[in-house]
PDB file of N, CA and C in Angstrom:
ATOM      1  N   UNK A   1     130.055  95.193 -66.761  1.00  0.00           N
ATOM      2  CA  UNK A   1     131.399  95.549 -66.355  1.00  0.00           C
ATOM      3  C   UNK A   1     131.426  95.789 -64.847  1.00  0.00           C
ATOM      4  N   UNK A   2     132.485  95.334 -64.197  1.00  0.00           N
ATOM      5  CA  UNK A   2     132.601  95.542 -62.749  1.00  0.00           C
ATOM      6  C   UNK A   2     132.818  97.010 -62.386  1.00  0.00           C
ATOM      7  N   UNK A   3     132.425  97.339 -61.182  1.00  0.00           N
ATOM      8  CA  UNK A   3     132.593  98.679 -60.640  1.00  0.00           C
ATOM      9  C   UNK A   3     133.707  98.617 -59.600  1.00  0.00           C
ATOM     10  N   UNK A   4     134.768  99.402 -59.800  1.00  0.00           N
ATOM     11  CA  UNK A   4     135.909  99.421 -58.895  1.00  0.00           C
ATOM     12  C   UNK A   4     135.948 100.730 -58.134  1.00  0.00           C
ATOM     13  N   UNK A   5     136.422 100.663 -56.900  1.00  0.00           N
ATOM     14  CA  UNK A   5     136.503 101.839 -56.043  1.00  0.00           C
ATOM     15  C   UNK A   5     137.977 102.168 -55.812  1.00  0.00           C
ATOM     16  N   UNK A   6     138.308 103.449 -55.917  1.00  0.00           N
ATOM     17  CA  UNK A   6     139.676 103.931 -55.736  1.00  0.00           C
ATOM     18  C   UNK A   6     139.702 105.037 -54.694  1.00  0.00           C
ATOM     19  N   UNK A   7     140.892 105.235 -54.079  1.00  0.00           N
ATOM     20  CA  UNK A   7     141.078 106.349 -53.154  1.00  0.00           C
ATOM     21  C   UNK A   7     142.424 106.998 -53.437  1.00  0.00           C
ATOM     22  N   UNK A   8     142.412 108.338 -53.458  1.00  0.00           N
ATOM     23  CA  UNK A   8     143.619 109.112 -53.711  1.00  0.00           C
ATOM     24  C   UNK A   8     144.418 109.246 -52.417  1.00  0.00           C
ATOM     25  N   UNK A   9     145.728 109.044 -52.504  1.00  0.00           N
ATOM     26  CA  UNK A   9     146.601 109.192 -51.355  1.00  0.00           C
ATOM     27  C   UNK A   9     146.896 110.645 -51.030  1.00  0.00           C
ATOM     28  N   UNK A  10     146.732 111.546 -51.996  1.00  0.00           N
ATOM     29  CA  UNK A  10     147.024 112.968 -51.782  1.00  0.00           C
ATOM     30  C   UNK A  10     145.843 113.732 -51.209  1.00  0.00           C
ATOM     31  N   UNK A  11     144.702 113.692 -51.898  1.00  0.00           N
ATOM     32  CA  UNK A  11     143.553 114.499 -51.474  1.00  0.00           C
ATOM     33  C   UNK A  11     142.495 113.696 -50.724  1.00  0.00           C
ATOM     34  N   UNK A  12     142.606 112.359 -50.693  1.00  0.00           N
ATOM     35  CA  UNK A  12     141.647 111.525 -49.975  1.00  0.00           C
ATOM     36  C   UNK A  12     140.359 111.261 -50.723  1.00  0.00           C
ATOM     37  N   UNK A  13     140.224 111.787 -51.920  1.00  0.00           N
ATOM     38  CA  UNK A  13     139.020 111.604 -52.749  1.00  0.00           C
ATOM     39  C   UNK A  13     138.788 110.117 -53.014  1.00  0.00           C
ATOM     40  N   UNK A  14     137.547 109.659 -52.834  1.00  0.00           N
ATOM     41  CA  UNK A  14     137.161 108.299 -53.196  1.00  0.00           C
ATOM     42  C   UNK A  14     136.226 108.378 -54.392  1.00  0.00           C
ATOM     43  N   UNK A  15     136.434 107.476 -55.353  1.00  0.00           N
ATOM     44  CA  UNK A  15     135.572 107.473 -56.529  1.00  0.00           C
ATOM     45  C   UNK A  15     135.457 106.069 -57.094  1.00  0.00           C
ATOM     46  N   UNK A  16     134.417 105.860 -57.884  1.00  0.00           N
ATOM     47  CA  UNK A  16     134.148 104.571 -58.505  1.00  0.00           C
ATOM     48  C   UNK A  16     134.310 104.681 -60.011  1.00  0.00           C
ATOM     49  N   UNK A  17     134.794 103.600 -60.617  1.00  0.00           N
ATOM     50  CA  UNK A  17     135.004 103.564 -62.066  1.00  0.00           C
ATOM     51  C   UNK A  17     134.569 102.195 -62.583  1.00  0.00           C
ATOM     52  N   UNK A  18     133.795 102.189 -63.655  1.00  0.00           N
ATOM     53  CA  UNK A  18     133.447 100.931 -64.328  1.00  0.00           C
ATOM     54  C   UNK A  18     134.574 100.599 -65.290  1.00  0.00           C
ATOM     55  N   UNK A  19     135.134  99.394 -65.119  1.00  0.00           N
ATOM     56  CA  UNK A  19     136.238  98.963 -65.964  1.00  0.00           C
ATOM     57  C   UNK A  19     136.055  97.508 -66.350  1.00  0.00           C
ATOM     58  N   UNK A  20     136.608  97.142 -67.496  1.00  0.00           N
ATOM     59  CA  UNK A  20     136.645  95.749 -67.910  1.00  0.00           C
ATOM     60  C   UNK A  20     137.670  95.023 -67.046  1.00  0.00           C
ATOM     61  N   UNK A  21     137.541  93.701 -66.963  1.00  0.00           N
ATOM     62  CA  UNK A  21     138.533  92.917 -66.234  1.00  0.00           C
ATOM     63  C   UNK A  21     139.917  93.082 -66.861  1.00  0.00           C
ATOM     64  N   UNK A  22     139.956  93.276 -68.152  1.00  0.00           N
ATOM     65  CA  UNK A  22     141.228  93.378 -68.864  1.00  0.00           C
ATOM     66  C   UNK A  22     141.866  94.769 -68.771  1.00  0.00           C
ATOM     67  N   UNK A  23     141.121  95.781 -68.305  1.00  0.00           N
ATOM     68  CA  UNK A  23     141.686  97.132 -68.173  1.00  0.00           C
ATOM     69  C   UNK A  23     142.709  97.186 -67.049  1.00  0.00           C
ATOM     70  N   UNK A  24     143.732  97.985 -67.242  1.00  0.00           N
ATOM     71  CA  UNK A  24     144.732  98.182 -66.193  1.00  0.00           C
ATOM     72  C   UNK A  24     144.157  99.098 -65.119  1.00  0.00           C
ATOM     73  N   UNK A  25     144.541  98.867 -63.837  1.00  0.00           N
ATOM     74  CA  UNK A  25     144.052  99.730 -62.760  1.00  0.00           C
ATOM     75  C   UNK A  25     144.491 101.178 -62.962  1.00  0.00           C
ATOM     76  N   UNK A  26     143.668 102.122 -62.490  1.00  0.00           N
ATOM     77  CA  UNK A  26     144.026 103.535 -62.569  1.00  0.00           C
ATOM     78  C   UNK A  26     145.226 103.811 -61.672  1.00  0.00           C
ATOM     79  N   UNK A  27     145.997 104.832 -62.016  1.00  0.00           N
ATOM     80  CA  UNK A  27     147.171 105.188 -61.224  1.00  0.00           C
ATOM     81  C   UNK A  27     147.119 106.616 -60.709  1.00  0.00           C
ATOM     82  N   UNK A  28     146.264 107.461 -61.292  1.00  0.00           N
ATOM     83  CA  UNK A  28     146.228 108.859 -60.867  1.00  0.00           C
ATOM     84  C   UNK A  28     144.799 109.329 -60.601  1.00  0.00           C
ATOM     85  N   UNK A  29     144.676 110.269 -59.659  1.00  0.00           N
ATOM     86  CA  UNK A  29     143.393 110.834 -59.246  1.00  0.00           C
ATOM     87  C   UNK A  29     142.842 111.735 -60.351  1.00  0.00           C
ATOM     88  N   UNK A  30     141.534 111.634 -60.593  1.00  0.00           N
ATOM     89  CA  UNK A  30     140.916 112.471 -61.626  1.00  0.00           C
ATOM     90  C   UNK A  30     140.765 113.917 -61.165  1.00  0.00           C
ATOM     91  N   UNK A  31     140.870 114.191 -59.849  1.00  0.00           N
ATOM     92  CA  UNK A  31     140.738 115.547 -59.325  1.00  0.00           C
ATOM     93  C   UNK A  31     142.083 116.275 -59.216  1.00  0.00           C
ATOM     94  N   UNK A  32     143.072 115.622 -58.548  1.00  0.00           N
ATOM     95  CA  UNK A  32     144.326 116.328 -58.266  1.00  0.00           C
ATOM     96  C   UNK A  32     145.552 115.730 -58.955  1.00  0.00           C
ATOM     97  N   UNK A  33     145.390 114.553 -59.568  1.00  0.00           N
ATOM     98  CA  UNK A  33     146.521 113.921 -60.243  1.00  0.00           C
ATOM     99  C   UNK A  33     147.403 113.095 -59.322  1.00  0.00           C
ATOM    100  N   UNK A  34     147.052 113.012 -58.034  1.00  0.00           N
ATOM    101  CA  UNK A  34     147.822 112.231 -57.070  1.00  0.00           C
ATOM    102  C   UNK A  34     147.694 110.736 -57.321  1.00  0.00           C
ATOM    103  N   UNK A  35     148.525 109.955 -56.638  1.00  0.00           N
ATOM    104  CA  UNK A  35     148.529 108.503 -56.794  1.00  0.00           C
ATOM    105  C   UNK A  35     147.310 107.895 -56.110  1.00  0.00           C
ATOM    106  N   UNK A  36     146.661 106.948 -56.784  1.00  0.00           N
ATOM    107  CA  UNK A  36     145.483 106.280 -56.233  1.00  0.00           C
ATOM    108  C   UNK A  36     145.763 104.809 -55.994  1.00  0.00           C
ATOM    109  N   UNK A  37     144.976 104.230 -55.081  1.00  0.00           N
ATOM    110  CA  UNK A  37     145.046 102.784 -54.874  1.00  0.00           C
ATOM    111  C   UNK A  37     143.637 102.217 -54.972  1.00  0.00           C
ATOM    112  N   UNK A  38     143.549 100.988 -55.471  1.00  0.00           N
ATOM    113  CA  UNK A  38     142.260 100.316 -55.609  1.00  0.00           C
ATOM    114  C   UNK A  38     141.856  99.793 -54.238  1.00  0.00           C
ATOM    115  N   UNK A  39     140.596 100.043 -53.861  1.00  0.00           N
ATOM    116  CA  UNK A  39     140.074  99.596 -52.583  1.00  0.00           C
ATOM    117  C   UNK A  39     139.371  98.256 -52.742  1.00  0.00           C
ATOM    118  N   UNK A  40     139.338  97.504 -51.669  1.00  0.00           N
ATOM    119  CA  UNK A  40     138.589  96.251 -51.663  1.00  0.00           C
ATOM    120  C   UNK A  40     137.187  96.582 -51.186  1.00  0.00           C
ATOM    121  N   UNK A  41     136.203  96.283 -52.009  1.00  0.00           N
ATOM    122  CA  UNK A  41     134.816  96.631 -51.714  1.00  0.00           C
ATOM    123  C   UNK A  41     133.996  95.381 -51.484  1.00  0.00           C
ATOM    124  N   UNK A  42     132.840  95.558 -50.880  1.00  0.00           N
ATOM    125  CA  UNK A  42     131.912  94.460 -50.680  1.00  0.00           C
ATOM    126  C   UNK A  42     131.383  94.013 -52.033  1.00  0.00           C
ATOM    127  N   UNK A  43     131.186  92.730 -52.178  1.00  0.00           N
ATOM    128  CA  UNK A  43     130.658  92.189 -53.421  1.00  0.00           C
ATOM    129  C   UNK A  43     129.258  92.674 -53.716  1.00  0.00           C
ATOM    130  N   UNK A  44     128.840  92.520 -54.956  1.00  0.00           N
ATOM    131  CA  UNK A  44     127.532  92.994 -55.373  1.00  0.00           C
ATOM    132  C   UNK A  44     126.405  92.027 -55.094  1.00  0.00           C
ATOM    133  N   UNK A  45     126.705  90.862 -54.501  1.00  0.00           N
ATOM    134  CA  UNK A  45     125.633  89.913 -54.196  1.00  0.00           C
ATOM    135  C   UNK A  45     125.970  89.184 -52.902  1.00  0.00           C
ATOM    136  N   UNK A  46     124.971  88.608 -52.298  1.00  0.00           N
ATOM    137  CA  UNK A  46     125.147  87.839 -51.072  1.00  0.00           C
ATOM    138  C   UNK A  46     124.281  86.590 -51.159  1.00  0.00           C
ATOM    139  N   UNK A  47     124.818  85.477 -50.704  1.00  0.00           N
ATOM    140  CA  UNK A  47     124.067  84.233 -50.670  1.00  0.00           C
ATOM    141  C   UNK A  47     123.389  84.159 -49.318  1.00  0.00           C
ATOM    142  N   UNK A  48     122.053  84.132 -49.321  1.00  0.00           N
ATOM    143  CA  UNK A  48     121.284  84.143 -48.080  1.00  0.00           C
ATOM    144  C   UNK A  48     120.282  83.002 -48.074  1.00  0.00           C
ATOM    145  N   UNK A  49     119.816  82.704 -46.903  1.00  0.00           N
ATOM    146  CA  UNK A  49     118.747  81.727 -46.765  1.00  0.00           C
ATOM    147  C   UNK A  49     119.237  80.301 -46.735  1.00  0.00           C
ATOM    148  N   UNK A  50     118.338  79.373 -46.884  1.00  0.00           N
ATOM    149  CA  UNK A  50     118.654  77.951 -46.775  1.00  0.00           C
ATOM    150  C   UNK A  50     118.733  77.313 -48.161  1.00  0.00           C
ATOM    151  N   UNK A  51     119.311  78.000 -49.083  1.00  0.00           N
ATOM    152  CA  UNK A  51     119.354  77.534 -50.469  1.00  0.00           C
ATOM    153  C   UNK A  51     120.405  76.500 -50.765  1.00  0.00           C
ATOM    154  N   UNK A  52     121.204  76.735 -51.757  1.00  0.00           N
ATOM    155  CA  UNK A  52     122.115  75.762 -52.339  1.00  0.00           C
ATOM    156  C   UNK A  52     123.097  75.159 -51.348  1.00  0.00           C
ATOM    157  N   UNK A  53     123.601  75.895 -50.399  1.00  0.00           N
ATOM    158  CA  UNK A  53     124.650  75.387 -49.518  1.00  0.00           C
ATOM    159  C   UNK A  53     124.143  74.263 -48.626  1.00  0.00           C
ATOM    160  N   UNK A  54     123.009  74.461 -47.987  1.00  0.00           N
ATOM    161  CA  UNK A  54     122.487  73.446 -47.077  1.00  0.00           C
ATOM    162  C   UNK A  54     121.852  72.278 -47.818  1.00  0.00           C
ATOM    163  N   UNK A  55     121.543  72.441 -49.076  1.00  0.00           N
ATOM    164  CA  UNK A  55     120.833  71.392 -49.789  1.00  0.00           C
ATOM    165  C   UNK A  55     121.731  70.492 -50.614  1.00  0.00           C
ATOM    166  N   UNK A  56     123.034  70.653 -50.542  1.00  0.00           N
ATOM    167  CA  UNK A  56     123.822  69.727 -51.334  1.00  0.00           C
ATOM    168  C   UNK A  56     125.317  69.957 -51.310  1.00  0.00           C
ATOM    169  N   UNK A  57     125.777  70.999 -50.686  1.00  0.00           N
ATOM    170  CA  UNK A  57     127.199  71.278 -50.744  1.00  0.00           C
ATOM    171  C   UNK A  57     127.870  71.280 -49.372  1.00  0.00           C
ATOM    172  N   UNK A  58     127.202  70.759 -48.357  1.00  0.00           N
ATOM    173  CA  UNK A  58     127.831  70.663 -47.052  1.00  0.00           C
ATOM    174  C   UNK A  58     128.494  69.306 -46.923  1.00  0.00           C
ATOM    175  N   UNK A  59     129.456  69.199 -46.038  1.00  0.00           N
ATOM    176  CA  UNK A  59     130.131  67.923 -45.826  1.00  0.00           C
ATOM    177  C   UNK A  59     129.535  67.183 -44.635  1.00  0.00           C
ATOM    178  N   UNK A  60     128.421  67.669 -44.097  1.00  0.00           N
ATOM    179  CA  UNK A  60     127.787  67.035 -42.959  1.00  0.00           C
ATOM    180  C   UNK A  60     126.998  65.816 -43.425  1.00  0.00           C
ATOM    181  N   UNK A  61     127.005  64.754 -42.615  1.00  0.00           N
ATOM    182  CA  UNK A  61     126.193  63.586 -42.989  1.00  0.00           C
ATOM    183  C   UNK A  61     124.709  63.906 -42.870  1.00  0.00           C
ATOM    184  N   UNK A  62     123.894  63.135 -43.562  1.00  0.00           N
ATOM    185  CA  UNK A  62     122.452  63.343 -43.507  1.00  0.00           C
ATOM    186  C   UNK A  62     121.934  63.034 -42.107  1.00  0.00           C
ATOM    187  N   UNK A  63     120.920  63.732 -41.689  1.00  0.00           N
ATOM    188  CA  UNK A  63     120.327  63.570 -40.365  1.00  0.00           C
ATOM    189  C   UNK A  63     119.405  62.355 -40.385  1.00  0.00           C
ATOM    190  N   UNK A  64     119.531  61.498 -39.357  1.00  0.00           N
ATOM    191  CA  UNK A  64     118.676  60.317 -39.289  1.00  0.00           C
ATOM    192  C   UNK A  64     117.520  60.495 -38.314  1.00  0.00           C
ATOM    193  N   UNK A  65     117.442  61.652 -37.645  1.00  0.00           N
ATOM    194  CA  UNK A  65     116.360  61.908 -36.698  1.00  0.00           C
ATOM    195  C   UNK A  65     115.071  62.196 -37.463  1.00  0.00           C
ATOM    196  N   UNK A  66     113.927  61.861 -36.850  1.00  0.00           N
ATOM    197  CA  UNK A  66     112.645  62.186 -37.492  1.00  0.00           C
ATOM    198  C   UNK A  66     112.518  63.690 -37.711  1.00  0.00           C
ATOM    199  N   UNK A  67     111.728  64.081 -38.677  1.00  0.00           N
ATOM    200  CA  UNK A  67     111.566  65.497 -39.015  1.00  0.00           C
ATOM    201  C   UNK A  67     111.154  66.302 -37.782  1.00  0.00           C
ATOM    202  N   UNK A  68     111.901  67.395 -37.513  1.00  0.00           N
ATOM    203  CA  UNK A  68     111.600  68.252 -36.384  1.00  0.00           C
ATOM    204  C   UNK A  68     112.281  67.829 -35.091  1.00  0.00           C
ATOM    205  N   UNK A  69     112.863  66.605 -35.045  1.00  0.00           N
ATOM    206  CA  UNK A  69     113.515  66.118 -33.826  1.00  0.00           C
ATOM    207  C   UNK A  69     115.038  66.105 -33.976  1.00  0.00           C
ATOM    208  N   UNK A  70     115.599  66.807 -34.939  1.00  0.00           N
ATOM    209  CA  UNK A  70     117.039  66.763 -35.178  1.00  0.00           C
ATOM    210  C   UNK A  70     117.812  67.582 -34.155  1.00  0.00           C
ATOM    211  N   UNK A  71     119.116  67.421 -34.181  1.00  0.00           N
ATOM    212  CA  UNK A  71     119.973  68.185 -33.293  1.00  0.00           C
ATOM    213  C   UNK A  71     120.037  69.633 -33.768  1.00  0.00           C
ATOM    214  N   UNK A  72     120.545  70.528 -32.916  1.00  0.00           N
ATOM    215  CA  UNK A  72     120.552  71.941 -33.260  1.00  0.00           C
ATOM    216  C   UNK A  72     121.505  72.255 -34.408  1.00  0.00           C
ATOM    217  N   UNK A  73     122.504  71.417 -34.655  1.00  0.00           N
ATOM    218  CA  UNK A  73     123.450  71.674 -35.737  1.00  0.00           C
ATOM    219  C   UNK A  73     123.078  71.017 -37.049  1.00  0.00           C
ATOM    220  N   UNK A  74     121.968  70.326 -37.070  1.00  0.00           N
ATOM    221  CA  UNK A  74     121.548  69.581 -38.257  1.00  0.00           C
ATOM    222  C   UNK A  74     120.903  70.522 -39.277  1.00  0.00           C
ATOM    223  N   UNK A  75     121.366  70.477 -40.542  1.00  0.00           N
ATOM    224  CA  UNK A  75     120.742  71.348 -41.547  1.00  0.00           C
ATOM    225  C   UNK A  75     119.268  71.034 -41.780  1.00  0.00           C
ATOM    226  N   UNK A  76     118.867  69.785 -41.630  1.00  0.00           N
ATOM    227  CA  UNK A  76     117.454  69.435 -41.837  1.00  0.00           C
ATOM    228  C   UNK A  76     116.589  70.006 -40.727  1.00  0.00           C
ATOM    229  N   UNK A  77     117.124  70.056 -39.499  1.00  0.00           N
ATOM    230  CA  UNK A  77     116.356  70.628 -38.387  1.00  0.00           C
ATOM    231  C   UNK A  77     116.122  72.108 -38.601  1.00  0.00           C
ATOM    232  N   UNK A  78     117.106  72.796 -39.201  1.00  0.00           N
ATOM    233  CA  UNK A  78     116.977  74.230 -39.458  1.00  0.00           C
ATOM    234  C   UNK A  78     115.874  74.500 -40.473  1.00  0.00           C
ATOM    235  N   UNK A  79     115.682  73.577 -41.413  1.00  0.00           N
ATOM    236  CA  UNK A  79     114.651  73.751 -42.447  1.00  0.00           C
ATOM    237  C   UNK A  79     113.276  73.335 -41.962  1.00  0.00           C
ATOM    238  N   UNK A  80     113.221  72.598 -40.838  1.00  0.00           N
ATOM    239  CA  UNK A  80     111.960  72.202 -40.210  1.00  0.00           C
ATOM    240  C   UNK A  80     111.132  71.348 -41.069  1.00  0.00           C
TER     241      UNK A  80
END
């Protein structure tokens, strides 16, 4: 289940709640009963490194330079 972050407009309290995608967003603060809004949080994962994106999902043409002699913007040159 995803973890959602909320902030109260009255007391400023921030809290996290695990909810199903189908659950309705919370409307009141668990501390003071004030109105809350759902915050936009950083995702739980990050795509890093020279994985899937550079190996098949770019729109750049393939590099024709010999290995190691590519231009600075070439994905193959970055992988060396």
